[in-house]
Amino acid sequence: MLPIHRAVLLLGLAFAARLDAQTPISDNSFLLEEAYNQEARVVQHVATAMGDDGIVELGFTQEWPLFSQRHQISYTLPLLRVNDETRWGDVEIQYRYQLLSGRVAVAPSLTAILPTGHDAFGAGNPGMAVGLPVSLALSPAFAAHTNAGVTLLPNVGDLNDGAEGEVEISLGQSVVWLAHPRVNLLVEALWSRTDAGDVVSESLLVSPGVRAAFNLGATQVVPGLAVPIGVGASSGERYAFLYLSIEHPF
């Protein structure tokens, strides 16, 4: 059987061979953020699904410009399915500022985490996150995206249980190959370390993927597929990741 990462590569090359050149994709990545805010009067809807045999994480995000591309606000609605049980996770509301744009793009963000998660599916208390995505056009055919972030959950669990809180640090790097203006092949690497008092855990995922854009008038539809694979402390983990973005004027 053809390995799944080779299947992703061949799928991308097949798309590239069939699609006509149009506006290049400037879209979200899968596990990482790209530092491009939404253009004025253009909204983006993003649906994602990531899972293995027993757990599926679903997400829906809307990104809106605030009057111009300089400011962007978004929200994410998470839904978790574990062993045939489905519950809401913690809703996130994010603000991003387009500090730099062009060949080098920088868009720092501040995210409020709301305790909407049901039972074990959420932190139980409010939290916040700060992020720094940086995007660099290496050449007409290649782009690189770097992420750094910190998530703070002051009291995980019940307010009265004496929890020490949780801090997560994350670093990510991706390289995107514009195999065609409307087909991208990408490899992402995402490392995170979570410190919850006496419990410290690390995760490292490397994820090959492909995305393609279909322009339907003023609307752009971007489906994508990736295969996050655990490395190091996460060795043995493997997931399927599905992505769908719809972007249009309003």
C-alpha atoms as a PDB file:
ATOM      1  CA  MET A   1       0.000   0.000   0.000  1.00  0.00           C
ATOM      2  CA  LEU A   2       1.257   3.513  -0.818  1.00  0.00           C
ATOM      3  CA  PRO A   3       2.380   5.335   2.390  1.00  0.00           C
ATOM      4  CA  ILE A   4      -0.060   8.107   3.276  1.00  0.00           C
ATOM      5  CA  HIS A   5       2.549  10.908   3.173  1.00  0.00           C
ATOM      6  CA  ARG A   6       3.444   9.906  -0.404  1.00  0.00           C
ATOM      7  CA  ALA A   7      -0.237   9.825  -1.274  1.00  0.00           C
ATOM      8  CA  VAL A   8      -0.571  13.429  -0.014  1.00  0.00           C
ATOM      9  CA  LEU A   9       2.388  14.476  -2.213  1.00  0.00           C
ATOM     10  CA  LEU A  10       1.008  12.754  -5.315  1.00  0.00           C
ATOM     11  CA  LEU A  11      -2.433  14.246  -4.709  1.00  0.00           C
ATOM     12  CA  GLY A  12      -0.917  17.733  -4.632  1.00  0.00           C
ATOM     13  CA  LEU A  13       1.043  17.173  -7.837  1.00  0.00           C
ATOM     14  CA  ALA A  14      -2.091  15.861  -9.533  1.00  0.00           C
ATOM     15  CA  PHE A  15      -3.986  19.028  -8.596  1.00  0.00           C
ATOM     16  CA  ALA A  16      -1.099  21.156  -9.858  1.00  0.00           C
ATOM     17  CA  ALA A  17      -1.168  19.440 -13.223  1.00  0.00           C
ATOM     18  CA  ARG A  18      -4.895  20.066 -13.730  1.00  0.00           C
ATOM     19  CA  LEU A  19      -5.550  23.600 -12.436  1.00  0.00           C
ATOM     20  CA  ASP A  20      -5.145  26.823 -14.390  1.00  0.00           C
ATOM     21  CA  ALA A  21      -3.076  29.646 -12.905  1.00  0.00           C
ATOM     22  CA  GLN A  22      -5.017  32.201 -10.887  1.00  0.00           C
ATOM     23  CA  THR A  23      -4.395  34.244  -7.749  1.00  0.00           C
ATOM     24  CA  PRO A  24      -1.955  32.392  -5.442  1.00  0.00           C
ATOM     25  CA  ILE A  25      -3.254  31.006  -2.165  1.00  0.00           C
ATOM     26  CA  SER A  26      -2.734  33.248   0.866  1.00  0.00           C
ATOM     27  CA  ASP A  27      -4.540  31.229   3.480  1.00  0.00           C
ATOM     28  CA  ASN A  28      -4.327  29.772   6.962  1.00  0.00           C
ATOM     29  CA  SER A  29      -2.000  26.865   7.515  1.00  0.00           C
ATOM     30  CA  PHE A  30      -3.279  23.792   9.354  1.00  0.00           C
ATOM     31  CA  LEU A  31      -1.468  23.516  12.702  1.00  0.00           C
ATOM     32  CA  LEU A  32       0.185  26.956  12.464  1.00  0.00           C
ATOM     33  CA  GLU A  33      -0.944  30.510  11.796  1.00  0.00           C
ATOM     34  CA  GLU A  34       0.182  32.531   8.799  1.00  0.00           C
ATOM     35  CA  ALA A  35       0.748  36.228   9.524  1.00  0.00           C
ATOM     36  CA  TYR A  36      -1.761  37.579   6.988  1.00  0.00           C
ATOM     37  CA  ASN A  37      -4.838  39.346   8.335  1.00  0.00           C
ATOM     38  CA  GLN A  38      -8.114  39.412   6.443  1.00  0.00           C
ATOM     39  CA  GLU A  39      -8.441  42.101   3.794  1.00  0.00           C
ATOM     40  CA  ALA A  40     -11.005  44.842   4.337  1.00  0.00           C
ATOM     41  CA  ARG A  41     -14.590  43.606   3.788  1.00  0.00           C
ATOM     42  CA  VAL A  42     -13.525  39.973   3.309  1.00  0.00           C
ATOM     43  CA  VAL A  43     -14.579  37.283   5.809  1.00  0.00           C
ATOM     44  CA  GLN A  44     -13.192  33.768   6.148  1.00  0.00           C
ATOM     45  CA  HIS A  45     -14.894  30.662   7.534  1.00  0.00           C
ATOM     46  CA  VAL A  46     -12.642  27.747   8.516  1.00  0.00           C
ATOM     47  CA  ALA A  47     -13.705  24.231   9.536  1.00  0.00           C
ATOM     48  CA  THR A  48     -11.161  21.676  10.774  1.00  0.00           C
ATOM     49  CA  ALA A  49     -11.204  18.090  11.990  1.00  0.00           C
ATOM     50  CA  MET A  50      -8.291  16.230  13.557  1.00  0.00           C
ATOM     51  CA  GLY A  51      -8.478  12.775  15.052  1.00  0.00           C
ATOM     52  CA  ASP A  52      -7.244   9.264  15.533  1.00  0.00           C
ATOM     53  CA  ASP A  53      -9.120   6.082  16.423  1.00  0.00           C
ATOM     54  CA  GLY A  54     -10.849   7.336  19.568  1.00  0.00           C
ATOM     55  CA  ILE A  55     -10.734  11.158  19.682  1.00  0.00           C
ATOM     56  CA  VAL A  56     -11.848  13.742  17.132  1.00  0.00           C
ATOM     57  CA  GLU A  57     -11.310  17.486  17.587  1.00  0.00           C
ATOM     58  CA  LEU A  58     -13.609  19.674  15.491  1.00  0.00           C
ATOM     59  CA  GLY A  59     -13.271  23.425  15.129  1.00  0.00           C
ATOM     60  CA  PHE A  60     -15.080  26.277  13.418  1.00  0.00           C
ATOM     61  CA  THR A  61     -13.445  29.707  13.078  1.00  0.00           C
ATOM     62  CA  GLN A  62     -14.603  32.985  11.571  1.00  0.00           C
ATOM     63  CA  GLU A  63     -12.080  35.762  10.854  1.00  0.00           C
ATOM     64  CA  TRP A  64     -13.296  39.328  10.323  1.00  0.00           C
ATOM     65  CA  PRO A  65     -11.354  42.515   9.490  1.00  0.00           C
ATOM     66  CA  LEU A  66     -12.000  45.490  11.743  1.00  0.00           C
ATOM     67  CA  PHE A  67     -12.420  48.268   9.153  1.00  0.00           C
ATOM     68  CA  SER A  68      -9.057  47.449   7.501  1.00  0.00           C
ATOM     69  CA  GLN A  69      -6.449  44.702   7.221  1.00  0.00           C
ATOM     70  CA  ARG A  70      -4.540  46.268  10.105  1.00  0.00           C
ATOM     71  CA  HIS A  71      -6.941  44.859  12.692  1.00  0.00           C
ATOM     72  CA  GLN A  72      -8.630  41.452  12.761  1.00  0.00           C
ATOM     73  CA  ILE A  73     -10.958  39.714  15.185  1.00  0.00           C
ATOM     74  CA  SER A  74     -11.921  36.062  15.169  1.00  0.00           C
ATOM     75  CA  TYR A  75     -13.605  33.418  17.269  1.00  0.00           C
ATOM     76  CA  THR A  76     -13.172  29.647  17.408  1.00  0.00           C
ATOM     77  CA  LEU A  77     -15.834  27.162  18.481  1.00  0.00           C
ATOM     78  CA  PRO A  78     -14.310  23.779  19.459  1.00  0.00           C
ATOM     79  CA  LEU A  79     -16.204  20.514  19.616  1.00  0.00           C
ATOM     80  CA  LEU A  80     -14.631  17.340  21.019  1.00  0.00           C
ATOM     81  CA  ARG A  81     -15.791  13.779  20.480  1.00  0.00           C
ATOM     82  CA  VAL A  82     -14.316  11.127  22.789  1.00  0.00           C
ATOM     83  CA  ASN A  83     -15.581   7.547  22.909  1.00  0.00           C
ATOM     84  CA  ASP A  84     -18.920   8.411  21.286  1.00  0.00           C
ATOM     85  CA  GLU A  85     -19.465  11.392  23.615  1.00  0.00           C
ATOM     86  CA  THR A  86     -19.582  14.884  22.097  1.00  0.00           C
ATOM     87  CA  ARG A  87     -19.140  18.066  24.118  1.00  0.00           C
ATOM     88  CA  TRP A  88     -18.230  21.733  23.608  1.00  0.00           C
ATOM     89  CA  GLY A  89     -14.696  22.859  24.396  1.00  0.00           C
ATOM     90  CA  ASP A  90     -13.526  26.320  25.497  1.00  0.00           C
ATOM     91  CA  VAL A  91     -14.434  29.125  23.083  1.00  0.00           C
ATOM     92  CA  GLU A  92     -11.587  31.410  22.002  1.00  0.00           C
ATOM     93  CA  ILE A  93     -11.861  35.059  20.914  1.00  0.00           C
ATOM     94  CA  GLN A  94      -8.761  36.510  19.279  1.00  0.00           C
ATOM     95  CA  TYR A  95      -7.517  39.933  18.225  1.00  0.00           C
ATOM     96  CA  ARG A  96      -4.613  40.246  15.737  1.00  0.00           C
ATOM     97  CA  TYR A  97      -2.673  43.333  14.720  1.00  0.00           C
ATOM     98  CA  GLN A  98      -0.923  43.468  11.342  1.00  0.00           C
ATOM     99  CA  LEU A  99       2.378  44.911  12.499  1.00  0.00           C
ATOM    100  CA  LEU A 100       4.215  44.265   9.218  1.00  0.00           C
ATOM    101  CA  SER A 101       3.082  43.155   5.769  1.00  0.00           C
ATOM    102  CA  GLY A 102       4.830  42.403   2.507  1.00  0.00           C
ATOM    103  CA  ARG A 103       7.762  40.024   2.057  1.00  0.00           C
ATOM    104  CA  VAL A 104       7.965  39.822   5.852  1.00  0.00           C
ATOM    105  CA  ALA A 105       4.615  39.747   7.651  1.00  0.00           C
ATOM    106  CA  VAL A 106       4.140  39.910  11.420  1.00  0.00           C
ATOM    107  CA  ALA A 107       0.775  39.762  13.207  1.00  0.00           C
ATOM    108  CA  PRO A 108       0.922  39.450  17.024  1.00  0.00           C
ATOM    109  CA  SER A 109      -2.272  38.244  18.674  1.00  0.00           C
ATOM    110  CA  LEU A 110      -4.067  38.208  22.022  1.00  0.00           C
ATOM    111  CA  THR A 111      -6.657  35.515  22.728  1.00  0.00           C
ATOM    112  CA  ALA A 112      -9.264  35.273  25.486  1.00  0.00           C
ATOM    113  CA  ILE A 113     -10.194  31.704  26.461  1.00  0.00           C
ATOM    114  CA  LEU A 114     -13.731  31.388  27.810  1.00  0.00           C
ATOM    115  CA  PRO A 115     -14.641  28.527  30.199  1.00  0.00           C
ATOM    116  CA  THR A 116     -17.455  27.121  28.063  1.00  0.00           C
ATOM    117  CA  GLY A 117     -16.085  23.569  27.948  1.00  0.00           C
ATOM    118  CA  HIS A 118     -18.232  20.810  29.415  1.00  0.00           C
ATOM    119  CA  ASP A 119     -16.675  18.966  32.400  1.00  0.00           C
ATOM    120  CA  ALA A 120     -13.332  17.403  31.387  1.00  0.00           C
ATOM    121  CA  PHE A 121     -13.556  18.986  27.920  1.00  0.00           C
ATOM    122  CA  GLY A 122     -12.547  22.438  29.178  1.00  0.00           C
ATOM    123  CA  ALA A 123     -10.165  24.146  31.606  1.00  0.00           C
ATOM    124  CA  GLY A 124     -12.993  25.213  33.921  1.00  0.00           C
ATOM    125  CA  ASN A 125     -11.729  28.789  34.267  1.00  0.00           C
ATOM    126  CA  PRO A 126     -10.866  31.728  31.984  1.00  0.00           C
ATOM    127  CA  GLY A 127      -7.452  31.920  30.397  1.00  0.00           C
ATOM    128  CA  MET A 128      -5.495  33.870  27.826  1.00  0.00           C
ATOM    129  CA  ALA A 129      -2.921  33.324  25.115  1.00  0.00           C
ATOM    130  CA  VAL A 130      -0.433  35.513  23.287  1.00  0.00           C
ATOM    131  CA  GLY A 131       0.958  34.556  19.896  1.00  0.00           C
ATOM    132  CA  LEU A 132       3.522  35.794  17.406  1.00  0.00           C
ATOM    133  CA  PRO A 133       3.191  34.494  13.842  1.00  0.00           C
ATOM    134  CA  VAL A 134       5.857  35.604  11.365  1.00  0.00           C
ATOM    135  CA  SER A 135       5.665  34.861   7.625  1.00  0.00           C
ATOM    136  CA  LEU A 136       8.542  35.190   5.173  1.00  0.00           C
ATOM    137  CA  ALA A 137       8.434  34.920   1.372  1.00  0.00           C
ATOM    138  CA  LEU A 138      11.663  33.021   0.696  1.00  0.00           C
ATOM    139  CA  SER A 139      11.200  33.100  -3.091  1.00  0.00           C
ATOM    140  CA  PRO A 140       8.326  33.129  -5.601  1.00  0.00           C
ATOM    141  CA  ALA A 141       7.911  29.391  -4.975  1.00  0.00           C
ATOM    142  CA  PHE A 142       8.537  29.056  -1.226  1.00  0.00           C
ATOM    143  CA  ALA A 143       7.276  30.665   1.995  1.00  0.00           C
ATOM    144  CA  ALA A 144       8.135  29.996   5.632  1.00  0.00           C
ATOM    145  CA  HIS A 145       5.953  30.577   8.683  1.00  0.00           C
ATOM    146  CA  THR A 146       7.201  30.748  12.273  1.00  0.00           C
ATOM    147  CA  ASN A 147       4.964  30.700  15.362  1.00  0.00           C
ATOM    148  CA  ALA A 148       5.654  31.301  19.050  1.00  0.00           C
ATOM    149  CA  GLY A 149       2.983  31.340  21.720  1.00  0.00           C
ATOM    150  CA  VAL A 150       2.197  31.141  25.413  1.00  0.00           C
ATOM    151  CA  THR A 151      -1.132  30.009  26.898  1.00  0.00           C
ATOM    152  CA  LEU A 152      -1.987  30.771  30.539  1.00  0.00           C
ATOM    153  CA  LEU A 153      -4.739  28.991  32.479  1.00  0.00           C
ATOM    154  CA  PRO A 154      -4.482  30.376  36.029  1.00  0.00           C
ATOM    155  CA  ASN A 155      -6.667  27.725  37.697  1.00  0.00           C
ATOM    156  CA  VAL A 156      -7.315  24.496  35.834  1.00  0.00           C
ATOM    157  CA  GLY A 157     -10.370  22.701  37.213  1.00  0.00           C
ATOM    158  CA  ASP A 158     -12.592  23.921  40.035  1.00  0.00           C
ATOM    159  CA  LEU A 159     -11.840  27.335  41.491  1.00  0.00           C
ATOM    160  CA  ASN A 160     -11.674  25.857  44.991  1.00  0.00           C
ATOM    161  CA  ASP A 161      -9.510  22.792  44.387  1.00  0.00           C
ATOM    162  CA  GLY A 162      -6.181  24.552  44.904  1.00  0.00           C
ATOM    163  CA  ALA A 163      -4.999  24.003  41.334  1.00  0.00           C
ATOM    164  CA  GLU A 164      -1.662  25.599  40.534  1.00  0.00           C
ATOM    165  CA  GLY A 165      -2.632  26.549  37.008  1.00  0.00           C
ATOM    166  CA  GLU A 166      -1.270  25.544  33.638  1.00  0.00           C
ATOM    167  CA  VAL A 167       1.235  27.171  31.279  1.00  0.00           C
ATOM    168  CA  GLU A 168       1.791  25.995  27.725  1.00  0.00           C
ATOM    169  CA  ILE A 169       4.652  27.184  25.521  1.00  0.00           C
ATOM    170  CA  SER A 170       4.551  26.395  21.806  1.00  0.00           C
ATOM    171  CA  LEU A 171       6.920  26.856  18.880  1.00  0.00           C
ATOM    172  CA  GLY A 172       6.144  26.041  15.270  1.00  0.00           C
ATOM    173  CA  GLN A 173       7.792  26.186  11.867  1.00  0.00           C
ATOM    174  CA  SER A 174       6.460  25.426   8.414  1.00  0.00           C
ATOM    175  CA  VAL A 175       7.639  25.588   4.821  1.00  0.00           C
ATOM    176  CA  VAL A 176       5.125  25.960   2.011  1.00  0.00           C
ATOM    177  CA  TRP A 177       5.905  25.109  -1.610  1.00  0.00           C
ATOM    178  CA  LEU A 178       3.744  26.900  -4.156  1.00  0.00           C
ATOM    179  CA  ALA A 179       3.787  23.990  -6.573  1.00  0.00           C
ATOM    180  CA  HIS A 180       1.129  25.928  -8.498  1.00  0.00           C
ATOM    181  CA  PRO A 181      -0.546  29.294  -7.754  1.00  0.00           C
ATOM    182  CA  ARG A 182      -3.579  27.335  -6.529  1.00  0.00           C
ATOM    183  CA  VAL A 183      -1.885  24.254  -5.059  1.00  0.00           C
ATOM    184  CA  ASN A 184       0.432  24.236  -2.062  1.00  0.00           C
ATOM    185  CA  LEU A 185       2.421  21.417  -0.516  1.00  0.00           C
ATOM    186  CA  LEU A 186       3.481  22.130   3.053  1.00  0.00           C
ATOM    187  CA  VAL A 187       5.326  20.610   5.982  1.00  0.00           C
ATOM    188  CA  GLU A 188       4.621  21.891   9.492  1.00  0.00           C
ATOM    189  CA  ALA A 189       6.383  21.124  12.772  1.00  0.00           C
ATOM    190  CA  LEU A 190       4.740  22.045  16.076  1.00  0.00           C
ATOM    191  CA  TRP A 191       6.351  21.617  19.514  1.00  0.00           C
ATOM    192  CA  SER A 192       4.619  22.349  22.809  1.00  0.00           C
ATOM    193  CA  ARG A 193       5.447  21.999  26.490  1.00  0.00           C
ATOM    194  CA  THR A 194       2.725  22.054  29.142  1.00  0.00           C
ATOM    195  CA  ASP A 195       3.548  22.704  32.794  1.00  0.00           C
ATOM    196  CA  ALA A 196       0.649  21.946  35.156  1.00  0.00           C
ATOM    197  CA  GLY A 197       2.249  22.017  38.580  1.00  0.00           C
ATOM    198  CA  ASP A 198       3.847  18.635  39.192  1.00  0.00           C
ATOM    199  CA  VAL A 199       2.969  17.359  35.713  1.00  0.00           C
ATOM    200  CA  VAL A 200       5.079  18.393  32.718  1.00  0.00           C
ATOM    201  CA  SER A 201       4.432  17.037  29.229  1.00  0.00           C
ATOM    202  CA  GLU A 202       5.819  17.693  25.762  1.00  0.00           C
ATOM    203  CA  SER A 203       4.481  17.113  22.276  1.00  0.00           C
ATOM    204  CA  LEU A 204       6.129  17.264  18.856  1.00  0.00           C
ATOM    205  CA  LEU A 205       4.203  16.782  15.627  1.00  0.00           C
ATOM    206  CA  VAL A 206       5.518  16.879  12.052  1.00  0.00           C
ATOM    207  CA  SER A 207       2.742  17.236   9.507  1.00  0.00           C
ATOM    208  CA  PRO A 208       2.983  16.963   5.685  1.00  0.00           C
ATOM    209  CA  GLY A 209      -0.071  18.328   3.881  1.00  0.00           C
ATOM    210  CA  VAL A 210      -1.618  19.671   0.704  1.00  0.00           C
ATOM    211  CA  ARG A 211      -4.209  22.374  -0.019  1.00  0.00           C
ATOM    212  CA  ALA A 212      -5.843  23.578  -3.225  1.00  0.00           C
ATOM    213  CA  ALA A 213      -7.895  26.686  -4.032  1.00  0.00           C
ATOM    214  CA  PHE A 214     -11.011  26.840  -6.192  1.00  0.00           C
ATOM    215  CA  ASN A 215     -12.224  30.305  -7.192  1.00  0.00           C
ATOM    216  CA  LEU A 216     -15.992  30.557  -7.638  1.00  0.00           C
ATOM    217  CA  GLY A 217     -16.516  34.134  -8.704  1.00  0.00           C
ATOM    218  CA  ALA A 218     -15.556  36.304  -5.711  1.00  0.00           C
ATOM    219  CA  THR A 219     -15.580  33.294  -3.373  1.00  0.00           C
ATOM    220  CA  GLN A 220     -12.495  31.146  -2.785  1.00  0.00           C
ATOM    221  CA  VAL A 221     -12.849  27.604  -1.429  1.00  0.00           C
ATOM    222  CA  VAL A 222      -9.718  25.889  -0.068  1.00  0.00           C
ATOM    223  CA  PRO A 223      -9.893  22.219   0.969  1.00  0.00           C
ATOM    224  CA  GLY A 224      -6.845  20.636   2.580  1.00  0.00           C
ATOM    225  CA  LEU A 225      -5.510  17.383   3.968  1.00  0.00           C
ATOM    226  CA  ALA A 226      -2.595  16.671   6.327  1.00  0.00           C
ATOM    227  CA  VAL A 227      -1.134  13.771   8.313  1.00  0.00           C
ATOM    228  CA  PRO A 228       0.337  14.925  11.673  1.00  0.00           C
ATOM    229  CA  ILE A 229       2.889  12.371  12.904  1.00  0.00           C
ATOM    230  CA  GLY A 230       4.306  12.221  16.427  1.00  0.00           C
ATOM    231  CA  VAL A 231       8.084  12.513  16.862  1.00  0.00           C
ATOM    232  CA  GLY A 232      10.245  12.131  19.985  1.00  0.00           C
ATOM    233  CA  ALA A 233       8.018  12.194  23.084  1.00  0.00           C
ATOM    234  CA  SER A 234       5.002  11.865  20.763  1.00  0.00           C
ATOM    235  CA  SER A 235       6.445   8.913  18.836  1.00  0.00           C
ATOM    236  CA  GLY A 236       3.772   6.466  17.722  1.00  0.00           C
ATOM    237  CA  GLU A 237       1.021   9.083  17.426  1.00  0.00           C
ATOM    238  CA  ARG A 238      -0.566   9.601  14.014  1.00  0.00           C
ATOM    239  CA  TYR A 239      -3.588  11.671  13.084  1.00  0.00           C
ATOM    240  CA  ALA A 240      -5.703  12.611  10.106  1.00  0.00           C
ATOM    241  CA  PHE A 241      -6.356  16.335   9.584  1.00  0.00           C
ATOM    242  CA  LEU A 242      -9.065  17.752   7.305  1.00  0.00           C
ATOM    243  CA  TYR A 243      -9.422  21.435   6.452  1.00  0.00           C
ATOM    244  CA  LEU A 244     -11.981  23.562   4.610  1.00  0.00           C
ATOM    245  CA  SER A 245     -11.855  27.342   4.183  1.00  0.00           C
ATOM    246  CA  ILE A 246     -14.434  29.563   2.467  1.00  0.00           C
ATOM    247  CA  GLU A 247     -13.549  33.213   1.921  1.00  0.00           C
ATOM    248  CA  HIS A 248     -15.778  35.880   0.358  1.00  0.00           C
ATOM    249  CA  PRO A 249     -16.554  39.624   0.397  1.00  0.00           C
ATOM    250  CA  PHE A 250     -19.307  41.062   2.555  1.00  0.00           C
END
